Amino acid sequence: MFKNIKIIPIIIFLFLGFANSEAQTKDNSKKVLFVLTSHDALGNTGYKTGFWLEEFATPYYLLKDAGIEITIASPKGGQPPIDPKSLSADFATESTKRYDSDKNLHEILKNTLKLKDIDAKKYDAIFYPGGHGPLWDLANDATSISLIESFYANKKPVATVCHGPAILKNTKTKNGQYIVDGKKVTGFSNTEEAAVQLTEVVPFLLEDMLKENGGIYSKGKDWMPYAIEDGLLITGQNPSSSEKVAKLLLLKLTK
């Protein structure tokens, strides 16, 4: 009756090894922090703004479907404003249609974390969707600036699209240089801003800011997909560039 006793420690050892292996797999899953604007006023126009749904939804689903864990935060926490125009049928894409019926994501967005409560050490990359909102709040938000600088200093990717690169207005390296200085970057172009008739409304023109901060700015054709990766920086020009940015970020995370 005791001949199988010696087998029991082996079974326990194998079980614990398997359990530990599973735990390590979970611990090794990549985690990306999405940061959304909390600003909803389009200057003094009386119109609303916020984040552009396509620029959030496409990267969100692309990364999530690839097994990336995503946490969403905003300066004020809670429900971040969605630019009303991005909800219209004219700008619908497969990802925005998926969002429309995704009740779970709706609930997650209602409860975004406050930026001040975020621990950068817990994440492998940070991503900023655009929309005009970031021009007003995230470009100057001290907590956001500190987070970006921390990610960059710790060699973690910083990705952003369209007006999202506004977050690079005041972010610097440990040496005091602008992060974009000498880097190839893109973002919503002056011609695209003029096309939506907001040149005189926005607090600054994104293309001009990136150039003034030493960025090597380039762009593709207006409204066409265009994204650039330079070191830890991944930037996209406009809403249609969100998928390219997400794919570049995914590739960087899974190398």
C-alpha atoms as a PDB file:
ATOM      1  CA  MET A   1       0.000   0.000   0.000  1.00  0.00           C
ATOM      2  CA  PHE A   2       3.038   2.311   0.387  1.00  0.00           C
ATOM      3  CA  LYS A   3       4.742   1.594  -2.926  1.00  0.00           C
ATOM      4  CA  ASN A   4       3.288   4.735  -4.612  1.00  0.00           C
ATOM      5  CA  ILE A   5       4.239   7.146  -1.823  1.00  0.00           C
ATOM      6  CA  LYS A   6       7.516   8.124  -3.566  1.00  0.00           C
ATOM      7  CA  ILE A   7       5.535   9.182  -6.623  1.00  0.00           C
ATOM      8  CA  ILE A   8       3.504  11.778  -4.688  1.00  0.00           C
ATOM      9  CA  PRO A   9       6.355  14.331  -4.210  1.00  0.00           C
ATOM     10  CA  ILE A  10       7.102  14.103  -7.918  1.00  0.00           C
ATOM     11  CA  ILE A  11       3.481  14.792  -8.807  1.00  0.00           C
ATOM     12  CA  ILE A  12       3.394  17.754  -6.398  1.00  0.00           C
ATOM     13  CA  PHE A  13       6.639  19.098  -7.863  1.00  0.00           C
ATOM     14  CA  LEU A  14       5.321  18.831 -11.415  1.00  0.00           C
ATOM     15  CA  PHE A  15       2.037  20.481 -10.428  1.00  0.00           C
ATOM     16  CA  LEU A  16       3.781  23.380  -8.725  1.00  0.00           C
ATOM     17  CA  GLY A  17       6.091  23.782 -11.696  1.00  0.00           C
ATOM     18  CA  PHE A  18       3.131  23.920 -14.075  1.00  0.00           C
ATOM     19  CA  ALA A  19       1.294  26.409 -11.853  1.00  0.00           C
ATOM     20  CA  ASN A  20       4.390  28.589 -11.643  1.00  0.00           C
ATOM     21  CA  SER A  21       4.785  28.420 -15.412  1.00  0.00           C
ATOM     22  CA  GLU A  22       1.209  29.609 -15.881  1.00  0.00           C
ATOM     23  CA  ALA A  23       1.772  32.449 -13.408  1.00  0.00           C
ATOM     24  CA  GLN A  24       4.898  33.514 -15.272  1.00  0.00           C
ATOM     25  CA  THR A  25       2.989  33.482 -18.562  1.00  0.00           C
ATOM     26  CA  LYS A  26       0.371  35.788 -17.092  1.00  0.00           C
ATOM     27  CA  ASP A  27       3.000  38.035 -15.552  1.00  0.00           C
ATOM     28  CA  ASN A  28       4.828  38.242 -18.866  1.00  0.00           C
ATOM     29  CA  SER A  29       1.803  39.455 -20.819  1.00  0.00           C
ATOM     30  CA  LYS A  30       2.391  42.931 -22.221  1.00  0.00           C
ATOM     31  CA  LYS A  31       0.493  45.840 -20.723  1.00  0.00           C
ATOM     32  CA  VAL A  32      -0.282  49.106 -22.493  1.00  0.00           C
ATOM     33  CA  LEU A  33      -1.634  52.271 -20.904  1.00  0.00           C
ATOM     34  CA  PHE A  34      -4.107  54.212 -23.057  1.00  0.00           C
ATOM     35  CA  VAL A  35      -4.480  57.881 -22.086  1.00  0.00           C
ATOM     36  CA  LEU A  36      -7.536  59.850 -23.207  1.00  0.00           C
ATOM     37  CA  THR A  37      -8.290  63.554 -22.981  1.00  0.00           C
ATOM     38  CA  SER A  38     -10.719  64.988 -20.423  1.00  0.00           C
ATOM     39  CA  HIS A  39     -11.216  68.228 -22.384  1.00  0.00           C
ATOM     40  CA  ASP A  40     -14.519  68.692 -24.228  1.00  0.00           C
ATOM     41  CA  ALA A  41     -14.660  72.341 -25.392  1.00  0.00           C
ATOM     42  CA  LEU A  42     -13.530  73.250 -28.905  1.00  0.00           C
ATOM     43  CA  GLY A  43     -12.017  76.596 -27.984  1.00  0.00           C
ATOM     44  CA  ASN A  44     -14.609  79.355 -27.842  1.00  0.00           C
ATOM     45  CA  THR A  45     -16.693  77.989 -30.705  1.00  0.00           C
ATOM     46  CA  GLY A  46     -19.423  76.571 -28.491  1.00  0.00           C
ATOM     47  CA  TYR A  47     -18.893  73.152 -30.075  1.00  0.00           C
ATOM     48  CA  LYS A  48     -17.760  70.032 -28.285  1.00  0.00           C
ATOM     49  CA  THR A  49     -14.611  68.001 -28.830  1.00  0.00           C
ATOM     50  CA  GLY A  50     -12.798  65.203 -27.002  1.00  0.00           C
ATOM     51  CA  PHE A  51     -11.031  62.103 -28.294  1.00  0.00           C
ATOM     52  CA  TRP A  52     -11.647  60.772 -31.811  1.00  0.00           C
ATOM     53  CA  LEU A  53     -13.357  57.387 -31.567  1.00  0.00           C
ATOM     54  CA  GLU A  54     -11.607  55.715 -34.529  1.00  0.00           C
ATOM     55  CA  GLU A  55      -8.188  56.615 -33.127  1.00  0.00           C
ATOM     56  CA  PHE A  56      -9.069  54.891 -29.872  1.00  0.00           C
ATOM     57  CA  ALA A  57     -11.160  51.938 -31.055  1.00  0.00           C
ATOM     58  CA  THR A  58      -8.904  50.617 -33.823  1.00  0.00           C
ATOM     59  CA  PRO A  59      -5.711  50.437 -31.703  1.00  0.00           C
ATOM     60  CA  TYR A  60      -7.687  49.181 -28.714  1.00  0.00           C
ATOM     61  CA  TYR A  61      -9.169  46.187 -30.525  1.00  0.00           C
ATOM     62  CA  LEU A  62      -6.052  45.425 -32.547  1.00  0.00           C
ATOM     63  CA  LEU A  63      -3.911  45.221 -29.404  1.00  0.00           C
ATOM     64  CA  LYS A  64      -6.565  43.529 -27.268  1.00  0.00           C
ATOM     65  CA  ASP A  65      -7.172  40.836 -29.888  1.00  0.00           C
ATOM     66  CA  ALA A  66      -3.418  40.181 -29.891  1.00  0.00           C
ATOM     67  CA  GLY A  67      -3.487  39.455 -26.159  1.00  0.00           C
ATOM     68  CA  ILE A  68      -2.230  42.815 -24.920  1.00  0.00           C
ATOM     69  CA  GLU A  69      -3.657  43.963 -21.581  1.00  0.00           C
ATOM     70  CA  ILE A  70      -5.001  47.508 -21.773  1.00  0.00           C
ATOM     71  CA  THR A  71      -5.672  50.012 -18.998  1.00  0.00           C
ATOM     72  CA  ILE A  72      -7.386  53.314 -19.789  1.00  0.00           C
ATOM     73  CA  ALA A  73      -6.760  56.541 -17.900  1.00  0.00           C
ATOM     74  CA  SER A  74      -7.554  60.242 -18.275  1.00  0.00           C
ATOM     75  CA  PRO A  75      -6.651  63.414 -16.354  1.00  0.00           C
ATOM     76  CA  LYS A  76      -9.992  63.604 -14.537  1.00  0.00           C
ATOM     77  CA  GLY A  77     -10.862  59.903 -14.562  1.00  0.00           C
ATOM     78  CA  GLY A  78     -14.362  58.642 -15.291  1.00  0.00           C
ATOM     79  CA  GLN A  79     -15.983  59.058 -18.707  1.00  0.00           C
ATOM     80  CA  PRO A  80     -13.720  60.939 -21.130  1.00  0.00           C
ATOM     81  CA  PRO A  81     -15.516  63.027 -23.769  1.00  0.00           C
ATOM     82  CA  ILE A  82     -15.877  61.554 -27.246  1.00  0.00           C
ATOM     83  CA  ASP A  83     -15.829  64.046 -30.103  1.00  0.00           C
ATOM     84  CA  PRO A  84     -19.475  64.016 -31.304  1.00  0.00           C
ATOM     85  CA  LYS A  85     -18.428  64.159 -34.940  1.00  0.00           C
ATOM     86  CA  SER A  86     -16.466  60.936 -34.599  1.00  0.00           C
ATOM     87  CA  LEU A  87     -19.697  59.168 -33.647  1.00  0.00           C
ATOM     88  CA  SER A  88     -21.411  60.013 -36.913  1.00  0.00           C
ATOM     89  CA  ALA A  89     -22.023  57.485 -39.674  1.00  0.00           C
ATOM     90  CA  ASP A  90     -19.737  59.493 -41.982  1.00  0.00           C
ATOM     91  CA  PHE A  91     -16.721  58.415 -39.926  1.00  0.00           C
ATOM     92  CA  ALA A  92     -17.821  54.879 -39.090  1.00  0.00           C
ATOM     93  CA  THR A  93     -15.277  52.061 -39.467  1.00  0.00           C
ATOM     94  CA  GLU A  94     -15.307  48.394 -38.534  1.00  0.00           C
ATOM     95  CA  SER A  95     -13.752  49.220 -35.175  1.00  0.00           C
ATOM     96  CA  THR A  96     -16.232  52.008 -34.343  1.00  0.00           C
ATOM     97  CA  LYS A  97     -19.113  49.709 -35.271  1.00  0.00           C
ATOM     98  CA  ARG A  98     -17.652  47.074 -32.952  1.00  0.00           C
ATOM     99  CA  TYR A  99     -17.419  49.706 -30.230  1.00  0.00           C
ATOM    100  CA  ASP A 100     -21.076  50.645 -30.706  1.00  0.00           C
ATOM    101  CA  SER A 101     -22.210  47.213 -29.499  1.00  0.00           C
ATOM    102  CA  ASP A 102     -19.417  46.635 -26.979  1.00  0.00           C
ATOM    103  CA  LYS A 103     -21.211  47.257 -23.680  1.00  0.00           C
ATOM    104  CA  ASN A 104     -18.219  46.038 -21.706  1.00  0.00           C
ATOM    105  CA  LEU A 105     -15.955  48.693 -23.232  1.00  0.00           C
ATOM    106  CA  HIS A 106     -18.623  51.332 -22.651  1.00  0.00           C
ATOM    107  CA  GLU A 107     -18.501  50.499 -18.946  1.00  0.00           C
ATOM    108  CA  ILE A 108     -14.702  50.552 -18.905  1.00  0.00           C
ATOM    109  CA  LEU A 109     -14.722  54.037 -20.452  1.00  0.00           C
ATOM    110  CA  LYS A 110     -17.165  55.262 -17.828  1.00  0.00           C
ATOM    111  CA  ASN A 111     -14.595  54.350 -15.202  1.00  0.00           C
ATOM    112  CA  THR A 112     -11.218  55.374 -16.586  1.00  0.00           C
ATOM    113  CA  LEU A 113      -8.531  55.735 -13.945  1.00  0.00           C
ATOM    114  CA  LYS A 114      -7.160  59.126 -12.946  1.00  0.00           C
ATOM    115  CA  LEU A 115      -3.717  59.795 -14.365  1.00  0.00           C
ATOM    116  CA  LYS A 116      -2.381  60.732 -10.941  1.00  0.00           C
ATOM    117  CA  ASP A 117      -3.083  57.177  -9.737  1.00  0.00           C
ATOM    118  CA  ILE A 118      -1.088  55.481 -12.503  1.00  0.00           C
ATOM    119  CA  ASP A 119       2.175  53.666 -11.751  1.00  0.00           C
ATOM    120  CA  ALA A 120       4.299  53.746 -14.912  1.00  0.00           C
ATOM    121  CA  LYS A 121       6.283  50.720 -13.744  1.00  0.00           C
ATOM    122  CA  LYS A 122       3.281  48.468 -14.341  1.00  0.00           C
ATOM    123  CA  TYR A 123       3.139  49.106 -18.104  1.00  0.00           C
ATOM    124  CA  ASP A 124       5.263  48.269 -21.125  1.00  0.00           C
ATOM    125  CA  ALA A 125       4.117  51.111 -23.392  1.00  0.00           C
ATOM    126  CA  ILE A 126       1.885  54.165 -23.451  1.00  0.00           C
ATOM    127  CA  PHE A 127      -0.529  55.199 -26.215  1.00  0.00           C
ATOM    128  CA  TYR A 128      -2.368  58.478 -26.803  1.00  0.00           C
ATOM    129  CA  PRO A 129      -5.279  58.665 -29.270  1.00  0.00           C
ATOM    130  CA  GLY A 130      -5.996  62.052 -30.797  1.00  0.00           C
ATOM    131  CA  GLY A 131      -9.017  64.245 -31.222  1.00  0.00           C
ATOM    132  CA  HIS A 132      -8.646  67.969 -30.606  1.00  0.00           C
ATOM    133  CA  GLY A 133      -9.021  67.610 -26.834  1.00  0.00           C
ATOM    134  CA  PRO A 134      -5.328  66.814 -26.112  1.00  0.00           C
ATOM    135  CA  LEU A 135      -4.292  70.193 -27.539  1.00  0.00           C
ATOM    136  CA  TRP A 136      -5.870  71.842 -24.523  1.00  0.00           C
ATOM    137  CA  ASP A 137      -5.245  69.495 -21.610  1.00  0.00           C
ATOM    138  CA  LEU A 138      -2.719  66.701 -22.228  1.00  0.00           C
ATOM    139  CA  ALA A 139      -0.218  68.988 -23.958  1.00  0.00           C
ATOM    140  CA  ASN A 140       0.255  70.801 -20.659  1.00  0.00           C
ATOM    141  CA  ASP A 141      -0.783  68.217 -18.054  1.00  0.00           C
ATOM    142  CA  ALA A 142       2.090  67.828 -15.579  1.00  0.00           C
ATOM    143  CA  THR A 143       1.169  64.244 -14.678  1.00  0.00           C
ATOM    144  CA  SER A 144       0.975  63.211 -18.331  1.00  0.00           C
ATOM    145  CA  ILE A 145       4.285  64.899 -19.087  1.00  0.00           C
ATOM    146  CA  SER A 146       5.929  63.097 -16.172  1.00  0.00           C
ATOM    147  CA  LEU A 147       4.498  59.742 -17.292  1.00  0.00           C
ATOM    148  CA  ILE A 148       5.756  60.139 -20.864  1.00  0.00           C
ATOM    149  CA  GLU A 149       9.197  61.163 -19.664  1.00  0.00           C
ATOM    150  CA  SER A 150       9.275  58.136 -17.355  1.00  0.00           C
ATOM    151  CA  PHE A 151       8.285  55.715 -20.123  1.00  0.00           C
ATOM    152  CA  TYR A 152      10.836  57.221 -22.479  1.00  0.00           C
ATOM    153  CA  ALA A 153      13.648  57.218 -19.923  1.00  0.00           C
ATOM    154  CA  ASN A 154      12.949  53.569 -19.160  1.00  0.00           C
ATOM    155  CA  LYS A 155      13.073  52.617 -22.838  1.00  0.00           C
ATOM    156  CA  LYS A 156       9.346  51.953 -23.181  1.00  0.00           C
ATOM    157  CA  PRO A 157       7.512  52.888 -26.421  1.00  0.00           C
ATOM    158  CA  VAL A 158       5.469  56.088 -26.628  1.00  0.00           C
ATOM    159  CA  ALA A 159       2.861  55.903 -29.407  1.00  0.00           C
ATOM    160  CA  THR A 160       0.328  58.489 -30.521  1.00  0.00           C
ATOM    161  CA  VAL A 161      -1.771  59.482 -33.520  1.00  0.00           C
ATOM    162  CA  CYS A 162      -3.311  62.534 -35.228  1.00  0.00           C
ATOM    163  CA  HIS A 163      -3.597  65.333 -32.615  1.00  0.00           C
ATOM    164  CA  GLY A 164      -2.202  62.969 -29.987  1.00  0.00           C
ATOM    165  CA  PRO A 165       1.381  64.160 -30.645  1.00  0.00           C
ATOM    166  CA  ALA A 166       0.333  67.347 -28.829  1.00  0.00           C
ATOM    167  CA  ILE A 167       1.545  65.411 -25.763  1.00  0.00           C
ATOM    168  CA  LEU A 168       5.095  65.957 -27.022  1.00  0.00           C
ATOM    169  CA  LYS A 169       4.886  69.730 -26.695  1.00  0.00           C
ATOM    170  CA  ASN A 170       6.513  69.879 -23.252  1.00  0.00           C
ATOM    171  CA  THR A 171       8.086  66.449 -22.803  1.00  0.00           C
ATOM    172  CA  LYS A 172      11.861  66.289 -22.453  1.00  0.00           C
ATOM    173  CA  THR A 173      14.674  63.801 -22.006  1.00  0.00           C
ATOM    174  CA  LYS A 174      16.894  63.579 -18.920  1.00  0.00           C
ATOM    175  CA  ASN A 175      19.285  65.945 -20.718  1.00  0.00           C
ATOM    176  CA  GLY A 176      16.628  68.625 -20.986  1.00  0.00           C
ATOM    177  CA  GLN A 177      16.112  68.245 -24.739  1.00  0.00           C
ATOM    178  CA  TYR A 178      12.670  67.886 -26.238  1.00  0.00           C
ATOM    179  CA  ILE A 179      11.924  64.222 -26.822  1.00  0.00           C
ATOM    180  CA  VAL A 180      11.144  64.932 -30.478  1.00  0.00           C
ATOM    181  CA  ASP A 181      14.409  66.807 -31.035  1.00  0.00           C
ATOM    182  CA  GLY A 182      16.190  65.091 -33.925  1.00  0.00           C
ATOM    183  CA  LYS A 183      13.453  62.442 -34.225  1.00  0.00           C
ATOM    184  CA  LYS A 184      11.379  61.628 -37.277  1.00  0.00           C
ATOM    185  CA  VAL A 185       7.769  62.425 -36.391  1.00  0.00           C
ATOM    186  CA  THR A 186       4.403  63.136 -37.923  1.00  0.00           C
ATOM    187  CA  GLY A 187       1.001  64.333 -36.755  1.00  0.00           C
ATOM    188  CA  PHE A 188      -2.059  66.212 -37.956  1.00  0.00           C
ATOM    189  CA  SER A 189      -0.780  68.528 -40.672  1.00  0.00           C
ATOM    190  CA  ASN A 190      -1.379  72.239 -41.143  1.00  0.00           C
ATOM    191  CA  THR A 191      -3.197  71.548 -44.404  1.00  0.00           C
ATOM    192  CA  GLU A 192      -5.529  69.087 -42.695  1.00  0.00           C
ATOM    193  CA  GLU A 193      -6.207  71.596 -39.904  1.00  0.00           C
ATOM    194  CA  ALA A 194      -6.997  74.210 -42.523  1.00  0.00           C
ATOM    195  CA  ALA A 195      -9.326  71.766 -44.272  1.00  0.00           C
ATOM    196  CA  VAL A 196     -11.438  71.396 -41.114  1.00  0.00           C
ATOM    197  CA  GLN A 197     -11.321  75.195 -40.661  1.00  0.00           C
ATOM    198  CA  LEU A 198      -9.811  75.133 -37.174  1.00  0.00           C
ATOM    199  CA  THR A 199      -6.477  76.813 -37.808  1.00  0.00           C
ATOM    200  CA  GLU A 200      -7.561  79.900 -35.873  1.00  0.00           C
ATOM    201  CA  VAL A 201      -9.332  77.909 -33.155  1.00  0.00           C
ATOM    202  CA  VAL A 202      -6.689  75.490 -31.878  1.00  0.00           C
ATOM    203  CA  PRO A 203      -4.200  76.775 -29.266  1.00  0.00           C
ATOM    204  CA  PHE A 204      -1.296  75.773 -31.526  1.00  0.00           C
ATOM    205  CA  LEU A 205      -0.692  74.035 -34.832  1.00  0.00           C
ATOM    206  CA  LEU A 206       0.664  70.558 -34.257  1.00  0.00           C
ATOM    207  CA  GLU A 207       2.950  70.487 -37.295  1.00  0.00           C
ATOM    208  CA  ASP A 208       4.510  73.823 -36.317  1.00  0.00           C
ATOM    209  CA  MET A 209       5.043  72.717 -32.708  1.00  0.00           C
ATOM    210  CA  LEU A 210       6.798  69.496 -33.682  1.00  0.00           C
ATOM    211  CA  LYS A 211       9.136  71.418 -35.979  1.00  0.00           C
ATOM    212  CA  GLU A 212       9.819  74.105 -33.356  1.00  0.00           C
ATOM    213  CA  ASN A 213      10.748  71.377 -30.855  1.00  0.00           C
ATOM    214  CA  GLY A 214      13.351  70.037 -33.270  1.00  0.00           C
ATOM    215  CA  GLY A 215      11.296  67.204 -34.732  1.00  0.00           C
ATOM    216  CA  ILE A 216      12.034  66.041 -38.284  1.00  0.00           C
ATOM    217  CA  TYR A 217       8.441  66.372 -39.436  1.00  0.00           C
ATOM    218  CA  SER A 218       7.068  64.669 -42.533  1.00  0.00           C
ATOM    219  CA  LYS A 219       3.620  63.774 -43.781  1.00  0.00           C
ATOM    220  CA  GLY A 220       1.813  61.740 -46.376  1.00  0.00           C
ATOM    221  CA  LYS A 221      -1.135  62.873 -48.461  1.00  0.00           C
ATOM    222  CA  ASP A 222      -3.909  64.528 -46.484  1.00  0.00           C
ATOM    223  CA  TRP A 223      -6.269  62.005 -44.844  1.00  0.00           C
ATOM    224  CA  MET A 224      -4.256  59.012 -46.053  1.00  0.00           C
ATOM    225  CA  PRO A 225      -2.540  56.528 -43.668  1.00  0.00           C
ATOM    226  CA  TYR A 226       0.961  57.616 -42.671  1.00  0.00           C
ATOM    227  CA  ALA A 227       2.958  56.572 -39.617  1.00  0.00           C
ATOM    228  CA  ILE A 228       6.588  56.798 -38.530  1.00  0.00           C
ATOM    229  CA  GLU A 229       8.659  54.882 -35.997  1.00  0.00           C
ATOM    230  CA  ASP A 230      11.890  56.409 -34.721  1.00  0.00           C
ATOM    231  CA  GLY A 231      13.393  54.657 -31.739  1.00  0.00           C
ATOM    232  CA  LEU A 232      10.828  54.631 -28.945  1.00  0.00           C
ATOM    233  CA  LEU A 233       8.530  57.119 -30.693  1.00  0.00           C
ATOM    234  CA  ILE A 234       5.669  55.995 -32.933  1.00  0.00           C
ATOM    235  CA  THR A 235       3.519  58.729 -34.468  1.00  0.00           C
ATOM    236  CA  GLY A 236       0.646  58.764 -36.968  1.00  0.00           C
ATOM    237  CA  GLN A 237      -0.645  61.631 -39.084  1.00  0.00           C
ATOM    238  CA  ASN A 238      -4.433  61.400 -38.982  1.00  0.00           C
ATOM    239  CA  PRO A 239      -7.391  59.146 -38.052  1.00  0.00           C
ATOM    240  CA  SER A 240      -6.742  56.755 -40.931  1.00  0.00           C
ATOM    241  CA  SER A 241      -3.218  56.212 -39.572  1.00  0.00           C
ATOM    242  CA  SER A 242      -4.400  54.668 -36.296  1.00  0.00           C
ATOM    243  CA  GLU A 243      -4.131  51.077 -37.529  1.00  0.00           C
ATOM    244  CA  LYS A 244      -0.574  51.598 -38.775  1.00  0.00           C
ATOM    245  CA  VAL A 245       0.462  53.073 -35.431  1.00  0.00           C
ATOM    246  CA  ALA A 246      -1.127  50.181 -33.543  1.00  0.00           C
ATOM    247  CA  LYS A 247       0.606  47.600 -35.745  1.00  0.00           C
ATOM    248  CA  LEU A 248       3.977  49.278 -35.255  1.00  0.00           C
ATOM    249  CA  LEU A 249       3.436  49.340 -31.493  1.00  0.00           C
ATOM    250  CA  LEU A 250       2.361  45.682 -31.437  1.00  0.00           C
ATOM    251  CA  LEU A 251       5.440  44.686 -33.418  1.00  0.00           C
ATOM    252  CA  LYS A 252       7.653  46.581 -30.997  1.00  0.00           C
ATOM    253  CA  LEU A 253       6.043  44.926 -28.004  1.00  0.00           C
ATOM    254  CA  THR A 254       6.242  41.385 -29.385  1.00  0.00           C
ATOM    255  CA  LYS A 255       9.770  41.391 -30.861  1.00  0.00           C
END
